Amino acid sequence: MLQFEREYTLKNDKVEIIPLEKSHEPALLKVSNNAAIWEYFTENGFGKENFTKYIDRAITNRKQHLEYPFVIKDLRRQQIAGMTRIYAIDNKLKNVKVGHTWIGEAFQGTGLNKNCKFLLFEFLFEQLNMERIGFGANAKNTKSIKAMESVGCTQEGRLRAFLPTANVAERIDVVLLSILKKEWETAVKTELKQKLATYD
């Protein structure tokens, strides 16, 4: 069972995932200040004012037991690289979602995201005994969908016109993906570990 009051830290030799704190905001702002990162997000964190609101909402949501936001740190460079969150937590049904994930442009394509997902999957399936991890992405964000498939996720369907955007005249389709505990145990963990070995 995930406990919101606990300070969880997940770590290997390449990445450390630590609970978000307000003190992380300046470093996160530096790596997030790129409009391309926020192109497909429903929350606009681009620019100092928007980003402060974004961070404050994430911290408040943890206090309200709605989600658990993490900071992603690249240990090879000893730099904060981005954020991710665990949310939609149902301890009774053993279902959970992972999302709101972004990393700075300089850290993309380095294996950092795959390492991050490996640690989160290991934590959620093996420590918290979850049965299902769900994901969602803007249907236009093909890069993110391919990244999720590359770590073992399976597409489940599409929610049409599911979420509004900043442009109130437009709504986006959301592609749903998931990974199951039995898939993690029988194949995904081994396959993902092999992929991680290809990165320095």
C-alpha atoms as a PDB file:
ATOM      1  CA  MET A   1       0.000   0.000   0.000  1.00  0.00           C
ATOM      2  CA  LEU A   2       1.412   3.366  -0.995  1.00  0.00           C
ATOM      3  CA  GLN A   3       1.723   5.691   1.990  1.00  0.00           C
ATOM      4  CA  PHE A   4       1.720   9.357   1.056  1.00  0.00           C
ATOM      5  CA  GLU A   5       3.520  10.367   4.253  1.00  0.00           C
ATOM      6  CA  ARG A   6       6.517   8.145   3.492  1.00  0.00           C
ATOM      7  CA  GLU A   7       9.565   9.528   1.696  1.00  0.00           C
ATOM      8  CA  TYR A   8      10.224   6.936  -0.986  1.00  0.00           C
ATOM      9  CA  THR A   9      13.551   6.988  -2.830  1.00  0.00           C
ATOM     10  CA  LEU A  10      14.225   4.714  -5.810  1.00  0.00           C
ATOM     11  CA  LYS A  11      17.761   4.421  -7.114  1.00  0.00           C
ATOM     12  CA  ASN A  12      20.201   2.524  -9.287  1.00  0.00           C
ATOM     13  CA  ASP A  13      23.619   3.519 -10.624  1.00  0.00           C
ATOM     14  CA  LYS A  14      22.162   5.856 -13.287  1.00  0.00           C
ATOM     15  CA  VAL A  15      19.061   7.492 -11.831  1.00  0.00           C
ATOM     16  CA  GLU A  16      17.617   8.507  -8.499  1.00  0.00           C
ATOM     17  CA  ILE A  17      13.897   9.207  -8.054  1.00  0.00           C
ATOM     18  CA  ILE A  18      13.086  11.294  -4.987  1.00  0.00           C
ATOM     19  CA  PRO A  19       9.935  12.962  -3.620  1.00  0.00           C
ATOM     20  CA  LEU A  20       9.267  16.425  -5.027  1.00  0.00           C
ATOM     21  CA  GLU A  21       9.930  19.345  -2.682  1.00  0.00           C
ATOM     22  CA  LYS A  22       9.486  23.065  -3.211  1.00  0.00           C
ATOM     23  CA  SER A  23      13.262  23.486  -3.002  1.00  0.00           C
ATOM     24  CA  HIS A  24      13.612  21.548  -6.275  1.00  0.00           C
ATOM     25  CA  GLU A  25      11.731  24.217  -8.222  1.00  0.00           C
ATOM     26  CA  PRO A  26      14.709  26.368  -9.427  1.00  0.00           C
ATOM     27  CA  ALA A  27      16.619  23.384 -10.846  1.00  0.00           C
ATOM     28  CA  LEU A  28      13.491  21.920 -12.412  1.00  0.00           C
ATOM     29  CA  LEU A  29      12.580  25.250 -13.972  1.00  0.00           C
ATOM     30  CA  LYS A  30      15.919  25.371 -15.789  1.00  0.00           C
ATOM     31  CA  VAL A  31      15.400  22.004 -17.491  1.00  0.00           C
ATOM     32  CA  SER A  32      11.662  22.496 -18.110  1.00  0.00           C
ATOM     33  CA  ASN A  33      11.873  25.937 -19.725  1.00  0.00           C
ATOM     34  CA  ASN A  34      11.335  24.563 -23.227  1.00  0.00           C
ATOM     35  CA  ALA A  35       7.988  24.953 -24.962  1.00  0.00           C
ATOM     36  CA  ALA A  36       8.396  21.601 -26.742  1.00  0.00           C
ATOM     37  CA  ILE A  37       8.208  19.736 -23.411  1.00  0.00           C
ATOM     38  CA  TRP A  38       4.740  21.110 -22.721  1.00  0.00           C
ATOM     39  CA  GLU A  39       3.275  20.797 -26.222  1.00  0.00           C
ATOM     40  CA  TYR A  40       1.076  17.799 -25.402  1.00  0.00           C
ATOM     41  CA  PHE A  41       0.413  18.411 -21.707  1.00  0.00           C
ATOM     42  CA  THR A  42      -2.993  19.523 -20.472  1.00  0.00           C
ATOM     43  CA  GLU A  43      -1.183  21.440 -17.700  1.00  0.00           C
ATOM     44  CA  ASN A  44       0.941  24.334 -18.937  1.00  0.00           C
ATOM     45  CA  GLY A  45       4.191  24.485 -16.995  1.00  0.00           C
ATOM     46  CA  PHE A  46       6.091  26.624 -19.479  1.00  0.00           C
ATOM     47  CA  GLY A  47       7.583  29.802 -18.006  1.00  0.00           C
ATOM     48  CA  LYS A  48       8.303  30.739 -14.412  1.00  0.00           C
ATOM     49  CA  GLU A  49       4.774  31.764 -13.392  1.00  0.00           C
ATOM     50  CA  ASN A  50       3.122  28.704 -14.920  1.00  0.00           C
ATOM     51  CA  PHE A  51       5.807  26.393 -13.574  1.00  0.00           C
ATOM     52  CA  THR A  52       5.445  27.663 -10.002  1.00  0.00           C
ATOM     53  CA  LYS A  53       1.716  26.933 -10.173  1.00  0.00           C
ATOM     54  CA  TYR A  54       2.471  23.521 -11.654  1.00  0.00           C
ATOM     55  CA  ILE A  55       4.860  22.617  -8.811  1.00  0.00           C
ATOM     56  CA  ASP A  56       2.528  23.953  -6.125  1.00  0.00           C
ATOM     57  CA  ARG A  57      -0.377  21.886  -7.505  1.00  0.00           C
ATOM     58  CA  ALA A  58       1.729  18.731  -7.493  1.00  0.00           C
ATOM     59  CA  ILE A  59       2.800  19.286  -3.872  1.00  0.00           C
ATOM     60  CA  THR A  60      -0.788  20.051  -2.827  1.00  0.00           C
ATOM     61  CA  ASN A  61      -2.050  16.918  -4.591  1.00  0.00           C
ATOM     62  CA  ARG A  62       0.344  14.792  -2.560  1.00  0.00           C
ATOM     63  CA  LYS A  63      -0.896  16.381   0.674  1.00  0.00           C
ATOM     64  CA  GLN A  64      -4.449  15.566  -0.434  1.00  0.00           C
ATOM     65  CA  HIS A  65      -3.439  11.963  -1.208  1.00  0.00           C
ATOM     66  CA  LEU A  66      -4.257  12.336  -4.892  1.00  0.00           C
ATOM     67  CA  GLU A  67      -0.813  11.667  -6.352  1.00  0.00           C
ATOM     68  CA  TYR A  68       2.818  11.192  -5.421  1.00  0.00           C
ATOM     69  CA  PRO A  69       5.179  13.419  -7.465  1.00  0.00           C
ATOM     70  CA  PHE A  70       8.859  12.569  -7.902  1.00  0.00           C
ATOM     71  CA  VAL A  71      11.937  14.392  -9.146  1.00  0.00           C
ATOM     72  CA  ILE A  72      14.195  12.500 -11.551  1.00  0.00           C
ATOM     73  CA  LYS A  73      17.948  12.962 -11.020  1.00  0.00           C
ATOM     74  CA  ASP A  74      20.555  11.811 -13.545  1.00  0.00           C
ATOM     75  CA  LEU A  75      23.358  10.363 -11.416  1.00  0.00           C
ATOM     76  CA  ARG A  76      25.795  10.201 -14.332  1.00  0.00           C
ATOM     77  CA  ARG A  77      25.677  13.997 -14.623  1.00  0.00           C
ATOM     78  CA  GLN A  78      24.617  14.682 -11.045  1.00  0.00           C
ATOM     79  CA  GLN A  79      21.815  16.886 -12.353  1.00  0.00           C
ATOM     80  CA  ILE A  80      18.067  17.095 -11.868  1.00  0.00           C
ATOM     81  CA  ALA A  81      16.506  16.046 -15.156  1.00  0.00           C
ATOM     82  CA  GLY A  82      12.703  16.040 -14.826  1.00  0.00           C
ATOM     83  CA  MET A  83       9.631  14.756 -13.032  1.00  0.00           C
ATOM     84  CA  THR A  84       7.175  11.869 -12.912  1.00  0.00           C
ATOM     85  CA  ARG A  85       4.150  10.976 -10.777  1.00  0.00           C
ATOM     86  CA  ILE A  86       2.221   8.036  -9.379  1.00  0.00           C
ATOM     87  CA  TYR A  87      -1.496   8.800  -9.325  1.00  0.00           C
ATOM     88  CA  ALA A  88      -5.021   7.306  -9.530  1.00  0.00           C
ATOM     89  CA  ILE A  89      -3.939   4.976  -6.744  1.00  0.00           C
ATOM     90  CA  ASP A  90      -6.441   2.249  -5.821  1.00  0.00           C
ATOM     91  CA  ASN A  91      -4.901   0.106  -3.088  1.00  0.00           C
ATOM     92  CA  LYS A  92      -8.005  -2.084  -2.874  1.00  0.00           C
ATOM     93  CA  LEU A  93      -8.077  -3.021  -6.574  1.00  0.00           C
ATOM     94  CA  LYS A  94      -4.259  -2.827  -6.793  1.00  0.00           C
ATOM     95  CA  ASN A  95      -4.410  -0.457  -9.751  1.00  0.00           C
ATOM     96  CA  VAL A  96      -2.247   2.619 -10.236  1.00  0.00           C
ATOM     97  CA  LYS A  97      -1.183   5.033 -12.969  1.00  0.00           C
ATOM     98  CA  VAL A  98       2.200   6.532 -13.815  1.00  0.00           C
ATOM     99  CA  GLY A  99       2.391   9.739 -15.792  1.00  0.00           C
ATOM    100  CA  HIS A 100       2.895  13.502 -15.970  1.00  0.00           C
ATOM    101  CA  THR A 101       6.426  12.478 -16.923  1.00  0.00           C
ATOM    102  CA  TRP A 102       8.869  14.806 -18.608  1.00  0.00           C
ATOM    103  CA  ILE A 103      12.643  15.122 -18.829  1.00  0.00           C
ATOM    104  CA  GLY A 104      14.781  17.945 -20.144  1.00  0.00           C
ATOM    105  CA  GLU A 105      15.894  17.879 -23.761  1.00  0.00           C
ATOM    106  CA  ALA A 106      19.546  17.236 -22.864  1.00  0.00           C
ATOM    107  CA  PHE A 107      18.571  14.022 -21.049  1.00  0.00           C
ATOM    108  CA  GLN A 108      16.304  12.572 -23.734  1.00  0.00           C
ATOM    109  CA  GLY A 109      17.536   9.509 -25.594  1.00  0.00           C
ATOM    110  CA  THR A 110      20.086   8.668 -22.887  1.00  0.00           C
ATOM    111  CA  GLY A 111      18.238   5.743 -21.317  1.00  0.00           C
ATOM    112  CA  LEU A 112      17.237   7.869 -18.353  1.00  0.00           C
ATOM    113  CA  ASN A 113      13.507   7.387 -18.931  1.00  0.00           C
ATOM    114  CA  LYS A 114      13.886   3.616 -19.285  1.00  0.00           C
ATOM    115  CA  ASN A 115      15.878   3.449 -16.056  1.00  0.00           C
ATOM    116  CA  CYS A 116      13.238   5.540 -14.341  1.00  0.00           C
ATOM    117  CA  LYS A 117      10.427   3.274 -15.558  1.00  0.00           C
ATOM    118  CA  PHE A 118      12.313   0.152 -14.490  1.00  0.00           C
ATOM    119  CA  LEU A 119      12.626   1.443 -10.927  1.00  0.00           C
ATOM    120  CA  LEU A 120       8.974   2.508 -10.802  1.00  0.00           C
ATOM    121  CA  PHE A 121       7.747  -0.841 -12.164  1.00  0.00           C
ATOM    122  CA  GLU A 122       9.935  -2.744  -9.711  1.00  0.00           C
ATOM    123  CA  PHE A 123       8.669  -0.599  -6.843  1.00  0.00           C
ATOM    124  CA  LEU A 124       4.980  -0.798  -7.756  1.00  0.00           C
ATOM    125  CA  PHE A 125       4.847  -4.479  -8.667  1.00  0.00           C
ATOM    126  CA  GLU A 126       7.362  -5.974  -6.243  1.00  0.00           C
ATOM    127  CA  GLN A 127       7.173  -3.719  -3.190  1.00  0.00           C
ATOM    128  CA  LEU A 128       3.605  -2.418  -3.299  1.00  0.00           C
ATOM    129  CA  ASN A 129       2.216  -5.562  -4.957  1.00  0.00           C
ATOM    130  CA  MET A 130       0.183  -3.673  -7.554  1.00  0.00           C
ATOM    131  CA  GLU A 131      -1.455  -5.748 -10.300  1.00  0.00           C
ATOM    132  CA  ARG A 132      -1.792  -3.120 -13.018  1.00  0.00           C
ATOM    133  CA  ILE A 133      -0.056   0.113 -14.019  1.00  0.00           C
ATOM    134  CA  GLY A 134      -1.955   2.342 -16.422  1.00  0.00           C
ATOM    135  CA  PHE A 135      -0.747   5.134 -18.681  1.00  0.00           C
ATOM    136  CA  GLY A 136      -2.347   7.721 -20.926  1.00  0.00           C
ATOM    137  CA  ALA A 137      -1.008  10.008 -23.639  1.00  0.00           C
ATOM    138  CA  ASN A 138      -2.272  12.640 -26.021  1.00  0.00           C
ATOM    139  CA  ALA A 139      -2.934  10.672 -29.215  1.00  0.00           C
ATOM    140  CA  LYS A 140      -0.847  13.217 -31.138  1.00  0.00           C
ATOM    141  CA  ASN A 141       2.169  12.538 -28.919  1.00  0.00           C
ATOM    142  CA  THR A 142       3.478   9.584 -30.891  1.00  0.00           C
ATOM    143  CA  LYS A 143       6.957   9.952 -29.383  1.00  0.00           C
ATOM    144  CA  SER A 144       5.609   9.392 -25.868  1.00  0.00           C
ATOM    145  CA  ILE A 145       3.419   6.466 -26.969  1.00  0.00           C
ATOM    146  CA  LYS A 146       6.390   4.755 -28.641  1.00  0.00           C
ATOM    147  CA  ALA A 147       8.489   5.352 -25.512  1.00  0.00           C
ATOM    148  CA  MET A 148       5.858   3.644 -23.349  1.00  0.00           C
ATOM    149  CA  GLU A 149       5.617   0.720 -25.742  1.00  0.00           C
ATOM    150  CA  SER A 150       9.414   0.413 -25.667  1.00  0.00           C
ATOM    151  CA  VAL A 151       9.346  -0.257 -21.905  1.00  0.00           C
ATOM    152  CA  GLY A 152       6.755  -3.006 -22.215  1.00  0.00           C
ATOM    153  CA  CYS A 153       3.383  -1.240 -22.253  1.00  0.00           C
ATOM    154  CA  THR A 154       0.467  -2.457 -24.377  1.00  0.00           C
ATOM    155  CA  GLN A 155      -2.053  -0.175 -26.042  1.00  0.00           C
ATOM    156  CA  GLU A 156      -5.591  -0.795 -24.761  1.00  0.00           C
ATOM    157  CA  GLY A 157      -7.713   1.727 -26.590  1.00  0.00           C
ATOM    158  CA  ARG A 158      -8.494   5.343 -27.305  1.00  0.00           C
ATOM    159  CA  LEU A 159     -10.739   7.800 -25.475  1.00  0.00           C
ATOM    160  CA  ARG A 160     -12.080  10.193 -28.094  1.00  0.00           C
ATOM    161  CA  ALA A 161     -12.289  13.942 -27.311  1.00  0.00           C
ATOM    162  CA  PHE A 162     -11.562  13.057 -23.697  1.00  0.00           C
ATOM    163  CA  LEU A 163      -9.733  16.119 -22.379  1.00  0.00           C
ATOM    164  CA  PRO A 164      -9.924  19.860 -23.084  1.00  0.00           C
ATOM    165  CA  THR A 165      -6.861  21.845 -24.063  1.00  0.00           C
ATOM    166  CA  ALA A 166      -5.878  25.448 -23.449  1.00  0.00           C
ATOM    167  CA  ASN A 167      -7.846  26.144 -26.617  1.00  0.00           C
ATOM    168  CA  VAL A 168     -11.403  25.592 -25.360  1.00  0.00           C
ATOM    169  CA  ALA A 169     -12.573  24.874 -28.912  1.00  0.00           C
ATOM    170  CA  GLU A 170     -10.411  21.755 -29.056  1.00  0.00           C
ATOM    171  CA  ARG A 171     -10.454  18.476 -27.137  1.00  0.00           C
ATOM    172  CA  ILE A 172      -7.850  15.736 -27.403  1.00  0.00           C
ATOM    173  CA  ASP A 173      -8.035  11.996 -27.845  1.00  0.00           C
ATOM    174  CA  VAL A 174      -6.173   9.990 -25.211  1.00  0.00           C
ATOM    175  CA  VAL A 175      -4.427   6.693 -25.972  1.00  0.00           C
ATOM    176  CA  LEU A 176      -4.549   4.237 -23.063  1.00  0.00           C
ATOM    177  CA  LEU A 177      -1.742   1.788 -22.307  1.00  0.00           C
ATOM    178  CA  SER A 178      -0.945  -0.579 -19.451  1.00  0.00           C
ATOM    179  CA  ILE A 179       1.431  -3.167 -18.092  1.00  0.00           C
ATOM    180  CA  LEU A 180       0.344  -6.063 -15.857  1.00  0.00           C
ATOM    181  CA  LYS A 181       2.214  -7.680 -12.993  1.00  0.00           C
ATOM    182  CA  LYS A 182       2.252 -11.075 -14.712  1.00  0.00           C
ATOM    183  CA  GLU A 183       3.746  -9.437 -17.832  1.00  0.00           C
ATOM    184  CA  TRP A 184       6.436  -7.810 -15.708  1.00  0.00           C
ATOM    185  CA  GLU A 185       7.284 -11.117 -14.034  1.00  0.00           C
ATOM    186  CA  THR A 186       7.290 -13.311 -17.141  1.00  0.00           C
ATOM    187  CA  ALA A 187       8.926 -11.099 -19.760  1.00  0.00           C
ATOM    188  CA  VAL A 188       9.010  -7.334 -19.388  1.00  0.00           C
ATOM    189  CA  LYS A 189      11.472  -7.128 -16.496  1.00  0.00           C
ATOM    190  CA  THR A 190      14.054  -9.247 -18.292  1.00  0.00           C
ATOM    191  CA  GLU A 191      13.563  -7.498 -21.631  1.00  0.00           C
ATOM    192  CA  LEU A 192      13.788  -4.034 -20.100  1.00  0.00           C
ATOM    193  CA  LYS A 193      16.893  -4.966 -18.137  1.00  0.00           C
ATOM    194  CA  GLN A 194      18.521  -6.070 -21.407  1.00  0.00           C
ATOM    195  CA  LYS A 195      17.667  -2.734 -23.018  1.00  0.00           C
ATOM    196  CA  LEU A 196      19.154  -0.831 -20.070  1.00  0.00           C
ATOM    197  CA  ALA A 197      22.443  -2.703 -20.517  1.00  0.00           C
ATOM    198  CA  THR A 198      22.889  -1.063 -23.942  1.00  0.00           C
ATOM    199  CA  TYR A 199      23.267   2.399 -22.393  1.00  0.00           C
ATOM    200  CA  ASP A 200      26.502   3.632 -20.834  1.00  0.00           C
END
